[in-house]
């Protein structure tokens, strides 16, 4: 059983690793892919330090930590664009898991439980998707990466920034074939609906219905809290949402895609938004961030939500 689903404490995960690398460290990321940096020891150290900042936040608040491997783009479509063969992708996904394992081992004596999640992303552009795969196509596409991450020793898979139900169902089925737990995280537009036009509630309920409640849990990511707060209409489906990785910016996906400067929003306001959402999501136990956020935003979310969580317990 995944510890962050049974532990009597909150867990955090990281934030917008790609935007941190680009805007805070000046590192170019073609295809918005961070995994090629694992081939450069200097850049690998930057990523290691990035994760250490979140572990320090977890230690400060006495929380657990979930490390998502930097493999969101490390699947065949994006790998081919970056010159990676299928065997290259197997090796780089394994290397990403090794980095997470090294970080966990370095903190083995700390009172910080660490879960390692193999991160995967959509086959198409999450901000402007043109391909809406069937569940069967998505299962076939994502299976190689999921299998590689599972064989390398991840505790679970997290599929971030999904735009449609078909791809989510395919990812769940692929994870079920491999025998690894999976979390499904949808992104939404400013109207609170998936880019496919479906409501969050409909998406969660359909994935559960067609996979026999296959996901370990659901998440929402890559959208500002103001974009989806009104979409959280009451119902049992809200109990399935256990994680948030929101954007710092209130801009739309289209506006963010065209932006040349980083919109970091207000970390304190970000924390307050999480507290408001925390009170509406009864099983929320995993707090992180997405584009434009860093350890400051997650720390403010902890400061705002830990007292609420402790009082509820």
Protein backbone atom coordinates (compact mmCIF):
# COMPACT_ATOMS: atom_id res chain seq x y z
CA UNK A 1 0.00 0.00 0.00
CA UNK A 2 1.28 3.47 -0.84
CA UNK A 3 2.38 5.19 2.36
CA UNK A 4 0.91 8.57 1.43
CA UNK A 5 -2.53 6.97 1.30
CA UNK A 6 -2.26 5.43 4.77
CA UNK A 7 0.11 7.70 6.69
CA UNK A 8 -1.43 10.05 9.25
CA UNK A 9 0.35 13.07 7.80
CA UNK A 10 0.32 15.22 4.72
CA UNK A 11 2.74 14.64 1.86
CA UNK A 12 4.19 17.15 -0.54
CA UNK A 13 5.55 16.74 -4.02
CA UNK A 14 7.59 19.14 -6.10
CA UNK A 15 6.50 22.06 -8.27
CA UNK A 16 7.17 23.38 -11.76
CA UNK A 17 10.52 21.77 -12.43
CA UNK A 18 10.59 22.79 -16.08
CA UNK A 19 9.81 26.46 -15.44
CA UNK A 20 12.29 26.51 -12.55
CA UNK A 21 15.03 25.10 -14.79
CA UNK A 22 14.26 27.51 -17.63
CA UNK A 23 13.60 30.74 -15.76
CA UNK A 24 15.56 30.31 -12.52
CA UNK A 25 18.60 28.51 -13.93
CA UNK A 26 18.66 29.64 -17.56
CA UNK A 27 18.67 26.09 -18.93
CA UNK A 28 17.16 25.55 -22.36
CA UNK A 29 14.59 22.72 -22.52
CA UNK A 30 13.65 21.79 -26.09
CA UNK A 31 10.16 20.23 -26.19
CA UNK A 32 9.83 21.36 -22.55
CA UNK A 33 11.69 18.15 -21.63
CA UNK A 34 13.85 17.93 -18.52
CA UNK A 35 14.98 14.31 -18.91
CA UNK A 36 17.91 15.06 -21.29
CA UNK A 37 19.58 16.95 -18.43
CA UNK A 38 20.24 13.58 -16.78
CA UNK A 39 23.06 13.10 -19.30
CA UNK A 40 24.91 16.10 -17.90
CA UNK A 41 26.29 15.77 -14.36
CA UNK A 42 26.16 19.51 -13.71
CA UNK A 43 22.51 19.68 -14.71
CA UNK A 44 21.73 16.51 -12.80
CA UNK A 45 23.11 18.19 -9.71
CA UNK A 46 20.81 21.15 -10.33
CA UNK A 47 17.84 18.78 -10.36
CA UNK A 48 19.10 17.00 -7.24
CA UNK A 49 19.33 20.35 -5.43
CA UNK A 50 15.86 21.24 -6.68
CA UNK A 51 14.36 18.15 -5.04
CA UNK A 52 16.37 18.72 -1.87
CA UNK A 53 14.60 22.06 -1.38
CA UNK A 54 11.27 20.24 -1.17
CA UNK A 55 12.63 17.60 1.18
CA UNK A 56 13.79 20.45 3.43
CA UNK A 57 10.22 21.81 3.31
CA UNK A 58 8.85 18.39 4.23
CA UNK A 59 11.29 18.16 7.14
CA UNK A 60 10.37 21.62 8.39
CA UNK A 61 6.66 20.78 8.46
CA UNK A 62 7.09 17.10 9.51
CA UNK A 63 5.52 15.81 6.30
CA UNK A 64 6.16 13.02 3.82
CA UNK A 65 7.54 13.52 0.31
CA UNK A 66 6.64 12.16 -3.12
CA UNK A 67 9.37 12.50 -5.74
CA UNK A 68 8.15 12.53 -9.33
CA UNK A 69 10.89 11.46 -11.72
CA UNK A 70 11.78 14.09 -14.37
CA UNK A 71 10.35 11.89 -17.12
CA UNK A 72 7.14 13.73 -18.09
CA UNK A 73 8.36 13.97 -21.69
CA UNK A 74 10.42 10.75 -21.78
CA UNK A 75 8.09 8.82 -24.07
CA UNK A 76 8.51 7.88 -27.72
CA UNK A 77 6.93 10.86 -29.52
CA UNK A 78 8.96 13.44 -27.63
CA UNK A 79 12.05 11.27 -27.43
CA UNK A 80 12.13 10.88 -31.21
CA UNK A 81 11.93 14.65 -31.65
CA UNK A 82 14.94 14.99 -29.37
CA UNK A 83 16.94 12.24 -31.10
CA UNK A 84 16.40 9.43 -28.59
CA UNK A 85 15.93 5.84 -29.73
CA UNK A 86 13.69 3.41 -27.87
CA UNK A 87 16.73 1.92 -26.12
CA UNK A 88 17.94 5.42 -25.22
CA UNK A 89 14.57 6.14 -23.61
CA UNK A 90 14.72 2.95 -21.57
CA UNK A 91 18.12 3.98 -20.24
CA UNK A 92 17.15 7.59 -19.48
CA UNK A 93 13.96 6.54 -17.65
CA UNK A 94 16.02 4.12 -15.56
CA UNK A 95 18.54 6.86 -14.84
CA UNK A 96 15.74 9.14 -13.63
CA UNK A 97 14.53 6.48 -11.20
CA UNK A 98 18.09 5.98 -9.97
CA UNK A 99 18.34 9.70 -9.18
CA UNK A 100 15.15 9.54 -7.10
CA UNK A 101 16.40 6.40 -5.34
CA UNK A 102 19.71 8.05 -4.54
CA UNK A 103 17.89 11.01 -3.02
CA UNK A 104 15.68 8.71 -0.95
CA UNK A 105 18.67 6.71 0.24
CA UNK A 106 20.46 9.89 1.29
CA UNK A 107 17.56 10.60 3.66
CA UNK A 108 17.04 7.03 4.88
CA UNK A 109 17.81 8.04 8.48
CA UNK A 110 15.50 11.04 8.44
CA UNK A 111 11.94 10.81 9.63
CA UNK A 112 10.72 11.64 6.12
CA UNK A 113 8.88 8.87 4.28
CA UNK A 114 9.61 9.21 0.57
CA UNK A 115 7.52 7.73 -2.22
CA UNK A 116 9.02 7.50 -5.71
CA UNK A 117 6.60 8.07 -8.57
CA UNK A 118 7.39 7.52 -12.22
CA UNK A 119 6.04 10.62 -13.97
CA UNK A 120 4.54 10.35 -17.44
CA UNK A 121 2.82 12.97 -19.56
CA UNK A 122 0.40 13.15 -22.48
CA UNK A 123 1.32 11.98 -25.94
CA UNK A 124 0.33 15.36 -27.38
CA UNK A 125 0.83 18.98 -26.32
CA UNK A 126 -1.05 19.46 -23.05
CA UNK A 127 -1.75 23.13 -23.79
CA UNK A 128 -2.94 22.69 -27.38
CA UNK A 129 -3.78 19.02 -27.95
CA UNK A 130 -4.53 17.95 -31.51
CA UNK A 131 -4.50 14.19 -30.93
CA UNK A 132 -7.21 12.59 -28.79
CA UNK A 133 -6.13 8.94 -28.62
CA UNK A 134 -8.46 6.07 -28.02
CA UNK A 135 -7.97 4.09 -24.83
CA UNK A 136 -6.42 1.25 -26.85
CA UNK A 137 -3.97 3.57 -28.63
CA UNK A 138 -3.03 5.26 -25.37
CA UNK A 139 -2.46 1.92 -23.65
CA UNK A 140 -0.12 0.79 -26.43
CA UNK A 141 1.72 4.13 -26.52
CA UNK A 142 2.35 4.48 -22.77
CA UNK A 143 2.97 0.83 -21.91
CA UNK A 144 6.73 0.81 -22.76
CA UNK A 145 7.52 3.78 -20.52
CA UNK A 146 5.32 2.54 -17.69
CA UNK A 147 6.91 -0.90 -17.87
CA UNK A 148 10.41 0.60 -17.83
CA UNK A 149 9.67 2.79 -14.82
CA UNK A 150 8.07 -0.11 -12.94
CA UNK A 151 11.00 -2.41 -13.66
CA UNK A 152 13.39 0.31 -12.47
CA UNK A 153 11.67 0.27 -9.07
CA UNK A 154 9.16 3.12 -8.79
CA UNK A 155 6.46 2.78 -6.16
CA UNK A 156 3.77 4.10 -8.51
CA UNK A 157 3.08 5.97 -11.73
CA UNK A 158 1.68 9.52 -11.92
CA UNK A 159 0.23 10.72 -15.22
CA UNK A 160 0.26 14.52 -15.18
CA UNK A 161 -1.52 17.12 -17.32
CA UNK A 162 -3.92 14.77 -19.10
CA UNK A 163 -6.41 16.46 -21.39
CA UNK A 164 -8.90 13.70 -22.16
CA UNK A 165 -10.48 10.58 -20.74
CA UNK A 166 -9.39 8.16 -23.47
CA UNK A 167 -5.71 8.67 -22.70
CA UNK A 168 -6.36 8.41 -18.97
CA UNK A 169 -8.16 5.08 -19.39
CA UNK A 170 -5.36 3.74 -21.59
CA UNK A 171 -2.73 4.73 -19.00
CA UNK A 172 -4.69 3.04 -16.21
CA UNK A 173 -5.01 -0.14 -18.27
CA UNK A 174 -1.29 -0.13 -19.08
CA UNK A 175 -0.45 0.30 -15.40
CA UNK A 176 -2.82 -2.52 -14.49
CA UNK A 177 -1.07 -4.79 -17.00
CA UNK A 178 2.27 -4.02 -15.41
CA UNK A 179 0.89 -4.25 -11.89
CA UNK A 180 1.88 -0.80 -10.63
CA UNK A 181 -0.43 1.72 -8.88
CA UNK A 182 -1.27 4.82 -10.90
CA UNK A 183 -2.56 8.33 -10.17
CA UNK A 184 -4.38 10.24 -12.90
CA UNK A 185 -4.08 14.02 -13.00
CA UNK A 186 -6.24 16.11 -15.33
CA UNK A 187 -5.61 19.68 -16.40
CA UNK A 188 -8.44 22.13 -17.11
CA UNK A 189 -9.00 25.35 -18.98
CA UNK A 190 -10.14 28.59 -17.31
CA UNK A 191 -13.75 27.34 -17.41
CA UNK A 192 -12.89 24.36 -15.21
CA UNK A 193 -13.36 21.85 -18.03
CA UNK A 194 -10.81 19.57 -19.62
CA UNK A 195 -9.44 20.74 -22.99
CA UNK A 196 -11.68 18.01 -24.45
CA UNK A 197 -14.69 19.96 -23.09
CA UNK A 198 -15.64 17.35 -20.52
CA UNK A 199 -16.25 18.35 -16.90
CA UNK A 200 -13.88 17.18 -14.19
CA UNK A 201 -16.65 15.25 -12.52
CA UNK A 202 -17.60 13.45 -15.73
CA UNK A 203 -13.95 12.63 -16.43
CA UNK A 204 -13.28 11.16 -13.00
CA UNK A 205 -16.50 9.18 -13.00
CA UNK A 206 -15.93 7.81 -16.51
CA UNK A 207 -12.36 6.69 -15.82
CA UNK A 208 -13.51 4.93 -12.67
CA UNK A 209 -16.45 3.32 -14.44
CA UNK A 210 -14.34 2.00 -17.33
CA UNK A 211 -11.38 0.77 -15.26
CA UNK A 212 -13.18 -0.67 -12.22
CA UNK A 213 -11.92 2.30 -10.14
CA UNK A 214 -8.43 1.55 -11.36
CA UNK A 215 -6.56 4.72 -10.35
CA UNK A 216 -5.19 4.84 -6.82
CA UNK A 217 -6.48 8.43 -6.84
CA UNK A 218 -6.98 11.47 -9.05
CA UNK A 219 -5.26 14.85 -9.10
CA UNK A 220 -5.65 18.25 -10.75
CA UNK A 221 -2.60 20.03 -12.16
CA UNK A 222 -1.38 22.78 -14.47
CA UNK A 223 -4.27 25.18 -13.82
CA UNK A 224 -4.70 27.99 -11.31
CA UNK A 225 -7.05 27.22 -8.38
CA UNK A 226 -9.45 29.89 -9.60
CA UNK A 227 -9.90 27.92 -12.82
CA UNK A 228 -11.30 24.81 -11.17
CA UNK A 229 -12.64 25.79 -7.74
CA UNK A 230 -16.17 26.28 -9.08
CA UNK A 231 -16.02 22.91 -10.85
CA UNK A 232 -15.79 21.04 -7.56
CA UNK A 233 -19.50 20.40 -7.23
CA UNK A 234 -20.50 18.13 -4.36
CA UNK A 235 -20.55 14.39 -4.80
CA UNK A 236 -18.67 11.19 -3.95
CA UNK A 237 -16.28 11.86 -6.84
CA UNK A 238 -14.56 14.56 -4.78
CA UNK A 239 -13.31 11.84 -2.42
CA UNK A 240 -11.22 10.47 -5.30
CA UNK A 241 -9.15 13.66 -5.60
CA UNK A 242 -6.13 13.36 -3.33
CA UNK A 243 -3.57 15.64 -4.93
CA UNK A 244 -3.15 19.18 -6.28
CA UNK A 245 -0.36 20.65 -8.40
CA UNK A 246 -1.71 24.04 -9.42
CA UNK A 247 -0.13 26.77 -11.53
CA UNK A 248 1.06 30.01 -9.99
CA UNK A 249 -0.45 32.09 -12.77
CA UNK A 250 -4.10 32.87 -13.44
CA UNK A 251 -3.38 33.06 -17.16
CA UNK A 252 -4.93 30.62 -19.60
CA UNK A 253 -2.91 27.83 -21.21
CA UNK A 254 -2.83 29.82 -24.45
CA UNK A 255 -1.50 32.90 -22.67
CA UNK A 256 1.13 30.89 -20.80
CA UNK A 257 2.24 29.20 -24.02
CA UNK A 258 2.96 32.61 -25.53
CA UNK A 259 4.54 34.15 -22.41
CA UNK A 260 8.21 35.10 -22.51
CA UNK A 261 8.46 35.91 -18.80
CA UNK A 262 7.62 33.74 -15.81
CA UNK A 263 4.45 34.58 -13.91
CA UNK A 264 5.15 33.39 -10.37
CA UNK A 265 1.92 34.75 -8.93
CA UNK A 266 1.86 35.32 -5.16
CA UNK A 267 3.09 32.37 -3.04
CA UNK A 268 1.11 33.54 0.02
CA UNK A 269 -2.08 33.82 -2.04
CA UNK A 270 -1.28 30.42 -3.52
CA UNK A 271 -1.21 28.95 -0.01
CA UNK A 272 -4.51 30.59 0.88
CA UNK A 273 -6.09 29.18 -2.29
CA UNK A 274 -4.90 25.71 -1.30
CA UNK A 275 -6.41 26.12 2.17
CA UNK A 276 -9.77 26.97 0.61
CA UNK A 277 -9.56 23.94 -1.68
CA UNK A 278 -8.37 21.77 1.18
CA UNK A 279 -11.59 22.43 3.02
CA UNK A 280 -13.60 21.25 -0.02
CA UNK A 281 -11.63 18.11 -0.85
CA UNK A 282 -12.09 15.64 2.04
CA UNK A 283 -9.26 13.27 1.07
CA UNK A 284 -6.64 15.78 -0.07
CA UNK A 285 -3.26 14.59 1.22
CA UNK A 286 -0.72 15.52 -1.49
CA UNK A 287 0.29 19.14 -2.13
CA UNK A 288 2.55 20.37 -4.91
CA UNK A 289 2.77 22.87 -7.70
CA UNK A 290 3.09 23.16 -11.46
CA UNK A 291 4.12 25.88 -13.92
CA UNK A 292 5.55 28.99 -12.29
CA UNK A 293 5.71 27.50 -8.81
CA UNK A 294 8.72 26.47 -6.75
CA UNK A 295 9.47 25.43 -3.16
CA UNK A 296 8.19 28.79 -1.84
CA UNK A 297 4.68 28.15 -3.13
CA UNK A 298 4.60 24.62 -1.74
CA UNK A 299 5.91 25.84 1.61
CA UNK A 300 3.14 28.44 1.80
CA UNK A 301 0.59 25.73 0.95
CA UNK A 302 1.97 23.66 3.83
CA UNK A 303 1.79 26.57 6.26
CA UNK A 304 -1.83 27.18 5.28
CA UNK A 305 -3.01 23.56 5.15
CA UNK A 306 -1.14 21.70 7.89
CA UNK A 307 -3.16 23.34 10.72
CA UNK A 308 -6.42 22.46 8.93
CA UNK A 309 -5.26 18.89 8.38
CA UNK A 310 -4.10 18.50 11.99
CA UNK A 311 -7.39 19.85 13.33
CA UNK A 312 -9.36 17.44 11.11
CA UNK A 313 -7.36 14.53 12.48
